[in-house]
């Protein structure tokens, strides 16, 4: 299961239900995917197919929606 948190700017932001416990978010767009850590700070964990411009755009959206992402994580995983 991979619940969608939100969609914006051609990106889908979501979790995988049974991955790892460290807080993070996955981002998907037509050109590829990325994963961003939220702890201890927001940073790129990995990317596949996304160019630097797309990674920066996704990062800005993760930063802008950090509170929403953290709340969704806590609701989904019960932490």
PDB file of N, CA and C in Angstrom:
ATOM      1  N   UNK A   1       0.833  -1.176   0.000  1.00  0.00           N
ATOM      2  CA  UNK A   1       0.000   0.000   0.000  1.00  0.00           C
ATOM      3  C   UNK A   1       0.880   1.242   0.000  1.00  0.00           C
ATOM      4  N   UNK A   2       0.528   2.227  -0.798  1.00  0.00           N
ATOM      5  CA  UNK A   2       1.304   3.459  -0.840  1.00  0.00           C
ATOM      6  C   UNK A   2       0.357   4.656  -0.896  1.00  0.00           C
ATOM      7  N   UNK A   3      -0.093   5.110   0.274  1.00  0.00           N
ATOM      8  CA  UNK A   3      -1.053   6.205   0.317  1.00  0.00           C
ATOM      9  C   UNK A   3      -0.462   7.523  -0.195  1.00  0.00           C
ATOM     10  N   UNK A   4      -1.252   8.216  -1.006  1.00  0.00           N
ATOM     11  CA  UNK A   4      -0.858   9.522  -1.522  1.00  0.00           C
ATOM     12  C   UNK A   4      -1.141  10.577  -0.462  1.00  0.00           C
ATOM     13  N   UNK A   5      -0.162  11.429  -0.220  1.00  0.00           N
ATOM     14  CA  UNK A   5      -0.319  12.526   0.733  1.00  0.00           C
ATOM     15  C   UNK A   5      -0.915  13.727   0.012  1.00  0.00           C
ATOM     16  N   UNK A   6      -0.317  14.087  -1.129  1.00  0.00           N
ATOM     17  CA  UNK A   6      -0.849  15.160  -1.957  1.00  0.00           C
ATOM     18  C   UNK A   6      -0.203  15.090  -3.336  1.00  0.00           C
ATOM     19  N   UNK A   7      -0.788  15.824  -4.269  1.00  0.00           N
ATOM     20  CA  UNK A   7      -0.262  15.974  -5.627  1.00  0.00           C
ATOM     21  C   UNK A   7      -0.143  17.461  -5.906  1.00  0.00           C
ATOM     22  N   UNK A   8       0.988  17.817  -6.521  1.00  0.00           N
ATOM     23  CA  UNK A   8       1.182  19.222  -6.877  1.00  0.00           C
ATOM     24  C   UNK A   8       2.278  19.325  -7.921  1.00  0.00           C
ATOM     25  N   UNK A   9       2.095  20.218  -8.890  1.00  0.00           N
ATOM     26  CA  UNK A   9       3.118  20.503  -9.891  1.00  0.00           C
ATOM     27  C   UNK A   9       3.558  19.296 -10.684  1.00  0.00           C
ATOM     28  N   UNK A  10       2.671  18.347 -10.912  1.00  0.00           N
ATOM     29  CA  UNK A  10       3.024  17.144 -11.651  1.00  0.00           C
ATOM     30  C   UNK A  10       3.696  16.068 -10.818  1.00  0.00           C
ATOM     31  N   UNK A  11       3.778  16.281  -9.507  1.00  0.00           N
ATOM     32  CA  UNK A  11       4.399  15.331  -8.585  1.00  0.00           C
ATOM     33  C   UNK A  11       3.330  14.657  -7.729  1.00  0.00           C
ATOM     34  N   UNK A  12       3.595  13.421  -7.368  1.00  0.00           N
ATOM     35  CA  UNK A  12       2.792  12.700  -6.382  1.00  0.00           C
ATOM     36  C   UNK A  12       3.694  12.423  -5.187  1.00  0.00           C
ATOM     37  N   UNK A  13       3.239  12.764  -4.006  1.00  0.00           N
ATOM     38  CA  UNK A  13       3.984  12.572  -2.769  1.00  0.00           C
ATOM     39  C   UNK A  13       3.297  11.470  -1.981  1.00  0.00           C
ATOM     40  N   UNK A  14       4.058  10.449  -1.573  1.00  0.00           N
ATOM     41  CA  UNK A  14       3.432   9.268  -0.971  1.00  0.00           C
ATOM     42  C   UNK A  14       4.406   8.515  -0.079  1.00  0.00           C
ATOM     43  N   UNK A  15       3.847   7.547   0.663  1.00  0.00           N
ATOM     44  CA  UNK A  15       4.617   6.623   1.495  1.00  0.00           C
ATOM     45  C   UNK A  15       4.432   5.213   0.970  1.00  0.00           C
ATOM     46  N   UNK A  16       5.378   4.347   1.312  1.00  0.00           N
ATOM     47  CA  UNK A  16       5.179   2.904   1.216  1.00  0.00           C
ATOM     48  C   UNK A  16       4.853   2.441   2.633  1.00  0.00           C
ATOM     49  N   UNK A  17       3.836   1.633   2.775  1.00  0.00           N
ATOM     50  CA  UNK A  17       3.372   1.257   4.108  1.00  0.00           C
ATOM     51  C   UNK A  17       4.361   0.410   4.893  1.00  0.00           C
ATOM     52  N   UNK A  18       5.133  -0.410   4.228  1.00  0.00           N
ATOM     53  CA  UNK A  18       6.033  -1.310   4.962  1.00  0.00           C
ATOM     54  C   UNK A  18       7.467  -1.155   4.471  1.00  0.00           C
ATOM     55  N   UNK A  19       8.013  -0.006   4.714  1.00  0.00           N
ATOM     56  CA  UNK A  19       9.388   0.214   4.300  1.00  0.00           C
ATOM     57  C   UNK A  19      10.246   0.334   5.539  1.00  0.00           C
ATOM     58  N   UNK A  20      10.836   1.475   5.770  1.00  0.00           N
ATOM     59  CA  UNK A  20      11.725   1.642   6.919  1.00  0.00           C
ATOM     60  C   UNK A  20      11.146   2.658   7.891  1.00  0.00           C
ATOM     61  N   UNK A  21      11.550   2.607   9.152  1.00  0.00           N
ATOM     62  CA  UNK A  21      10.926   3.464  10.156  1.00  0.00           C
ATOM     63  C   UNK A  21      11.359   4.930  10.118  1.00  0.00           C
ATOM     64  N   UNK A  22      12.507   5.247   9.514  1.00  0.00           N
ATOM     65  CA  UNK A  22      12.969   6.639   9.465  1.00  0.00           C
ATOM     66  C   UNK A  22      12.001   7.456   8.606  1.00  0.00           C
ATOM     67  N   UNK A  23      11.547   8.597   9.124  1.00  0.00           N
ATOM     68  CA  UNK A  23      10.552   9.398   8.431  1.00  0.00           C
ATOM     69  C   UNK A  23      11.093   9.907   7.095  1.00  0.00           C
ATOM     70  N   UNK A  24      10.312   9.645   6.037  1.00  0.00           N
ATOM     71  CA  UNK A  24      10.697  10.042   4.688  1.00  0.00           C
ATOM     72  C   UNK A  24       9.461  10.113   3.811  1.00  0.00           C
ATOM     73  N   UNK A  25       9.634  10.633   2.606  1.00  0.00           N
ATOM     74  CA  UNK A  25       8.538  10.709   1.645  1.00  0.00           C
ATOM     75  C   UNK A  25       9.087  10.384   0.258  1.00  0.00           C
ATOM     76  N   UNK A  26       8.282   9.690  -0.520  1.00  0.00           N
ATOM     77  CA  UNK A  26       8.622   9.389  -1.907  1.00  0.00           C
ATOM     78  C   UNK A  26       7.913  10.388  -2.806  1.00  0.00           C
ATOM     79  N   UNK A  27       8.569  10.731  -3.910  1.00  0.00           N
ATOM     80  CA  UNK A  27       8.013  11.669  -4.874  1.00  0.00           C
ATOM     81  C   UNK A  27       8.114  11.040  -6.251  1.00  0.00           C
ATOM     82  N   UNK A  28       7.009  11.065  -6.987  1.00  0.00           N
ATOM     83  CA  UNK A  28       6.990  10.496  -8.333  1.00  0.00           C
ATOM     84  C   UNK A  28       6.512  11.552  -9.317  1.00  0.00           C
ATOM     85  N   UNK A  29       7.158  11.593 -10.486  1.00  0.00           N
ATOM     86  CA  UNK A  29       6.697  12.432 -11.591  1.00  0.00           C
ATOM     87  C   UNK A  29       6.887  11.630 -12.869  1.00  0.00           C
ATOM     88  N   UNK A  30       6.487  12.186 -13.987  1.00  0.00           N
ATOM     89  CA  UNK A  30       6.558  11.467 -15.257  1.00  0.00           C
ATOM     90  C   UNK A  30       7.988  11.058 -15.617  1.00  0.00           C
ATOM     91  N   UNK A  31       8.973  11.820 -15.128  1.00  0.00           N
ATOM     92  CA  UNK A  31      10.367  11.561 -15.490  1.00  0.00           C
ATOM     93  C   UNK A  31      11.130  10.685 -14.515  1.00  0.00           C
ATOM     94  N   UNK A  32      10.576  10.411 -13.353  1.00  0.00           N
ATOM     95  CA  UNK A  32      11.315   9.587 -12.404  1.00  0.00           C
ATOM     96  C   UNK A  32      10.771   9.691 -10.996  1.00  0.00           C
ATOM     97  N   UNK A  33      11.632   9.316 -10.054  1.00  0.00           N
ATOM     98  CA  UNK A  33      11.247   9.266  -8.647  1.00  0.00           C
ATOM     99  C   UNK A  33      12.383   9.777  -7.770  1.00  0.00           C
ATOM    100  N   UNK A  34      12.015  10.179  -6.564  1.00  0.00           N
ATOM    101  CA  UNK A  34      13.001  10.579  -5.565  1.00  0.00           C
ATOM    102  C   UNK A  34      12.473  10.195  -4.192  1.00  0.00           C
ATOM    103  N   UNK A  35      13.391  10.128  -3.259  1.00  0.00           N
ATOM    104  CA  UNK A  35      13.047   9.864  -1.869  1.00  0.00           C
ATOM    105  C   UNK A  35      13.765  10.914  -1.034  1.00  0.00           C
ATOM    106  N   UNK A  36      13.034  11.532  -0.118  1.00  0.00           N
ATOM    107  CA  UNK A  36      13.598  12.557   0.758  1.00  0.00           C
ATOM    108  C   UNK A  36      13.455  12.131   2.207  1.00  0.00           C
ATOM    109  N   UNK A  37      14.563  12.226   2.950  1.00  0.00           N
ATOM    110  CA  UNK A  37      14.506  12.034   4.399  1.00  0.00           C
ATOM    111  C   UNK A  37      13.867  13.270   5.001  1.00  0.00           C
ATOM    112  N   UNK A  38      13.126  13.091   6.073  1.00  0.00           N
ATOM    113  CA  UNK A  38      12.610  14.219   6.839  1.00  0.00           C
ATOM    114  C   UNK A  38      13.312  14.334   8.182  1.00  0.00           C
ATOM    115  N   UNK A  39      14.068  13.312   8.558  1.00  0.00           N
ATOM    116  CA  UNK A  39      14.795  13.293   9.824  1.00  0.00           C
ATOM    117  C   UNK A  39      16.244  12.905   9.580  1.00  0.00           C
ATOM    118  N   UNK A  40      17.192  13.511  10.210  1.00  0.00           N
ATOM    119  CA  UNK A  40      17.027  14.601  11.171  1.00  0.00           C
ATOM    120  C   UNK A  40      16.710  15.939  10.497  1.00  0.00           C
ATOM    121  N   UNK A  41      16.934  16.036   9.191  1.00  0.00           N
ATOM    122  CA  UNK A  41      16.608  17.240   8.424  1.00  0.00           C
ATOM    123  C   UNK A  41      16.149  16.789   7.042  1.00  0.00           C
ATOM    124  N   UNK A  42      15.484  17.669   6.331  1.00  0.00           N
ATOM    125  CA  UNK A  42      15.032  17.325   4.986  1.00  0.00           C
ATOM    126  C   UNK A  42      16.245  17.277   4.061  1.00  0.00           C
ATOM    127  N   UNK A  43      16.419  16.115   3.411  1.00  0.00           N
ATOM    128  CA  UNK A  43      17.515  15.976   2.447  1.00  0.00           C
ATOM    129  C   UNK A  43      17.188  14.853   1.468  1.00  0.00           C
ATOM    130  N   UNK A  44      17.787  14.936   0.309  1.00  0.00           N
ATOM    131  CA  UNK A  44      17.589  13.922  -0.720  1.00  0.00           C
ATOM    132  C   UNK A  44      18.255  12.621  -0.294  1.00  0.00           C
ATOM    133  N   UNK A  45      17.499  11.539  -0.326  1.00  0.00           N
ATOM    134  CA  UNK A  45      18.044  10.216  -0.008  1.00  0.00           C
ATOM    135  C   UNK A  45      18.498   9.515  -1.282  1.00  0.00           C
ATOM    136  N   UNK A  46      17.661   9.574  -2.321  1.00  0.00           N
ATOM    137  CA  UNK A  46      18.012   8.939  -3.598  1.00  0.00           C
ATOM    138  C   UNK A  46      17.085   9.453  -4.680  1.00  0.00           C
ATOM    139  N   UNK A  47      17.506   9.303  -5.916  1.00  0.00           N
ATOM    140  CA  UNK A  47      16.684   9.697  -7.049  1.00  0.00           C
ATOM    141  C   UNK A  47      16.955   8.769  -8.219  1.00  0.00           C
ATOM    142  N   UNK A  48      15.971   8.651  -9.074  1.00  0.00           N
ATOM    143  CA  UNK A  48      16.101   7.830 -10.271  1.00  0.00           C
ATOM    144  C   UNK A  48      15.337   8.516 -11.404  1.00  0.00           C
ATOM    145  N   UNK A  49      16.070   8.981 -12.399  1.00  0.00           N
ATOM    146  CA  UNK A  49      15.462   9.561 -13.584  1.00  0.00           C
ATOM    147  C   UNK A  49      15.147  11.038 -13.513  1.00  0.00           C
ATOM    148  N   UNK A  50      15.113  11.610 -12.324  1.00  0.00           N
ATOM    149  CA  UNK A  50      14.788  13.034 -12.190  1.00  0.00           C
ATOM    150  C   UNK A  50      16.046  13.872 -12.370  1.00  0.00           C
ATOM    151  N   UNK A  51      15.955  14.933 -13.189  1.00  0.00           N
ATOM    152  CA  UNK A  51      17.099  15.823 -13.355  1.00  0.00           C
ATOM    153  C   UNK A  51      17.173  16.787 -12.170  1.00  0.00           C
ATOM    154  N   UNK A  52      18.233  17.571 -12.117  1.00  0.00           N
ATOM    155  CA  UNK A  52      18.445  18.470 -10.977  1.00  0.00           C
ATOM    156  C   UNK A  52      17.299  19.459 -10.800  1.00  0.00           C
ATOM    157  N   UNK A  53      16.745  19.960 -11.888  1.00  0.00           N
ATOM    158  CA  UNK A  53      15.651  20.923 -11.808  1.00  0.00           C
ATOM    159  C   UNK A  53      14.429  20.296 -11.137  1.00  0.00           C
ATOM    160  N   UNK A  54      14.097  19.077 -11.527  1.00  0.00           N
ATOM    161  CA  UNK A  54      12.954  18.383 -10.933  1.00  0.00           C
ATOM    162  C   UNK A  54      13.199  18.048  -9.463  1.00  0.00           C
ATOM    163  N   UNK A  55      14.412  17.642  -9.137  1.00  0.00           N
ATOM    164  CA  UNK A  55      14.745  17.342  -7.734  1.00  0.00           C
ATOM    165  C   UNK A  55      14.594  18.600  -6.892  1.00  0.00           C
ATOM    166  N   UNK A  56      15.082  19.736  -7.395  1.00  0.00           N
ATOM    167  CA  UNK A  56      14.948  20.998  -6.645  1.00  0.00           C
ATOM    168  C   UNK A  56      13.482  21.376  -6.464  1.00  0.00           C
ATOM    169  N   UNK A  57      12.683  21.213  -7.534  1.00  0.00           N
ATOM    170  CA  UNK A  57      11.257  21.538  -7.450  1.00  0.00           C
ATOM    171  C   UNK A  57      10.561  20.643  -6.426  1.00  0.00           C
ATOM    172  N   UNK A  58      10.887  19.364  -6.434  1.00  0.00           N
ATOM    173  CA  UNK A  58      10.299  18.430  -5.466  1.00  0.00           C
ATOM    174  C   UNK A  58      10.735  18.789  -4.049  1.00  0.00           C
ATOM    175  N   UNK A  59      12.002  19.118  -3.877  1.00  0.00           N
ATOM    176  CA  UNK A  59      12.521  19.496  -2.558  1.00  0.00           C
ATOM    177  C   UNK A  59      11.780  20.717  -2.015  1.00  0.00           C
ATOM    178  N   UNK A  60      11.568  21.717  -2.864  1.00  0.00           N
ATOM    179  CA  UNK A  60      10.846  22.914  -2.426  1.00  0.00           C
ATOM    180  C   UNK A  60       9.430  22.565  -1.974  1.00  0.00           C
ATOM    181  N   UNK A  61       8.784  21.641  -2.663  1.00  0.00           N
ATOM    182  CA  UNK A  61       7.436  21.221  -2.273  1.00  0.00           C
ATOM    183  C   UNK A  61       7.452  20.412  -0.979  1.00  0.00           C
ATOM    184  N   UNK A  62       8.463  19.576  -0.802  1.00  0.00           N
ATOM    185  CA  UNK A  62       8.591  18.842   0.465  1.00  0.00           C
ATOM    186  C   UNK A  62       8.765  19.841   1.608  1.00  0.00           C
ATOM    187  N   UNK A  63       9.606  20.842   1.406  1.00  0.00           N
ATOM    188  CA  UNK A  63       9.819  21.847   2.444  1.00  0.00           C
ATOM    189  C   UNK A  63       8.545  22.637   2.729  1.00  0.00           C
ATOM    190  N   UNK A  64       7.817  23.000   1.676  1.00  0.00           N
ATOM    191  CA  UNK A  64       6.594  23.791   1.833  1.00  0.00           C
ATOM    192  C   UNK A  64       5.483  22.996   2.523  1.00  0.00           C
ATOM    193  N   UNK A  65       5.477  21.687   2.332  1.00  0.00           N
ATOM    194  CA  UNK A  65       4.426  20.823   2.885  1.00  0.00           C
ATOM    195  C   UNK A  65       4.927  19.939   4.024  1.00  0.00           C
ATOM    196  N   UNK A  66       6.053  20.306   4.616  1.00  0.00           N
ATOM    197  CA  UNK A  66       6.658  19.466   5.655  1.00  0.00           C
ATOM    198  C   UNK A  66       5.670  19.123   6.766  1.00  0.00           C
ATOM    199  N   UNK A  67       4.938  20.091   7.248  1.00  0.00           N
ATOM    200  CA  UNK A  67       4.003  19.845   8.352  1.00  0.00           C
ATOM    201  C   UNK A  67       2.926  18.843   7.924  1.00  0.00           C
ATOM    202  N   UNK A  68       2.395  19.016   6.735  1.00  0.00           N
ATOM    203  CA  UNK A  68       1.377  18.102   6.211  1.00  0.00           C
ATOM    204  C   UNK A  68       1.926  16.680   6.057  1.00  0.00           C
ATOM    205  N   UNK A  69       3.158  16.562   5.563  1.00  0.00           N
ATOM    206  CA  UNK A  69       3.784  15.254   5.373  1.00  0.00           C
ATOM    207  C   UNK A  69       4.004  14.577   6.723  1.00  0.00           C
ATOM    208  N   UNK A  70       4.529  15.330   7.686  1.00  0.00           N
ATOM    209  CA  UNK A  70       4.764  14.768   9.022  1.00  0.00           C
ATOM    210  C   UNK A  70       3.460  14.313   9.676  1.00  0.00           C
ATOM    211  N   UNK A  71       2.420  15.118   9.537  1.00  0.00           N
ATOM    212  CA  UNK A  71       1.115  14.732  10.103  1.00  0.00           C
ATOM    213  C   UNK A  71       0.587  13.471   9.445  1.00  0.00           C
ATOM    214  N   UNK A  72       0.707  13.390   8.118  1.00  0.00           N
ATOM    215  CA  UNK A  72       0.241  12.195   7.404  1.00  0.00           C
ATOM    216  C   UNK A  72       1.028  10.974   7.840  1.00  0.00           C
ATOM    217  N   UNK A  73       2.328  11.117   8.033  1.00  0.00           N
ATOM    218  CA  UNK A  73       3.176  10.012   8.502  1.00  0.00           C
ATOM    219  C   UNK A  73       2.676   9.524   9.864  1.00  0.00           C
ATOM    220  N   UNK A  74       2.494  10.481  10.778  1.00  0.00           N
ATOM    221  CA  UNK A  74       2.066  10.109  12.133  1.00  0.00           C
ATOM    222  C   UNK A  74       0.698   9.445  12.132  1.00  0.00           C
ATOM    223  N   UNK A  75      -0.213   9.932  11.305  1.00  0.00           N
ATOM    224  CA  UNK A  75      -1.537   9.311  11.220  1.00  0.00           C
ATOM    225  C   UNK A  75      -1.455   7.922  10.620  1.00  0.00           C
ATOM    226  N   UNK A  76      -0.646   7.768   9.569  1.00  0.00           N
ATOM    227  CA  UNK A  76      -0.566   6.476   8.882  1.00  0.00           C
ATOM    228  C   UNK A  76       0.163   5.418   9.713  1.00  0.00           C
ATOM    229  N   UNK A  77       1.283   5.824  10.297  1.00  0.00           N
ATOM    230  CA  UNK A  77       2.117   4.848  11.003  1.00  0.00           C
ATOM    231  C   UNK A  77       1.863   4.834  12.511  1.00  0.00           C
ATOM    232  N   UNK A  78       1.073   5.787  13.014  1.00  0.00           N
ATOM    233  CA  UNK A  78       0.742   5.796  14.430  1.00  0.00           C
ATOM    234  C   UNK A  78       1.890   6.138  15.336  1.00  0.00           C
ATOM    235  N   UNK A  79       2.779   7.001  14.861  1.00  0.00           N
ATOM    236  CA  UNK A  79       3.932   7.387  15.704  1.00  0.00           C
ATOM    237  C   UNK A  79       3.789   8.790  16.220  1.00  0.00           C
TER     238      UNK A  79
END
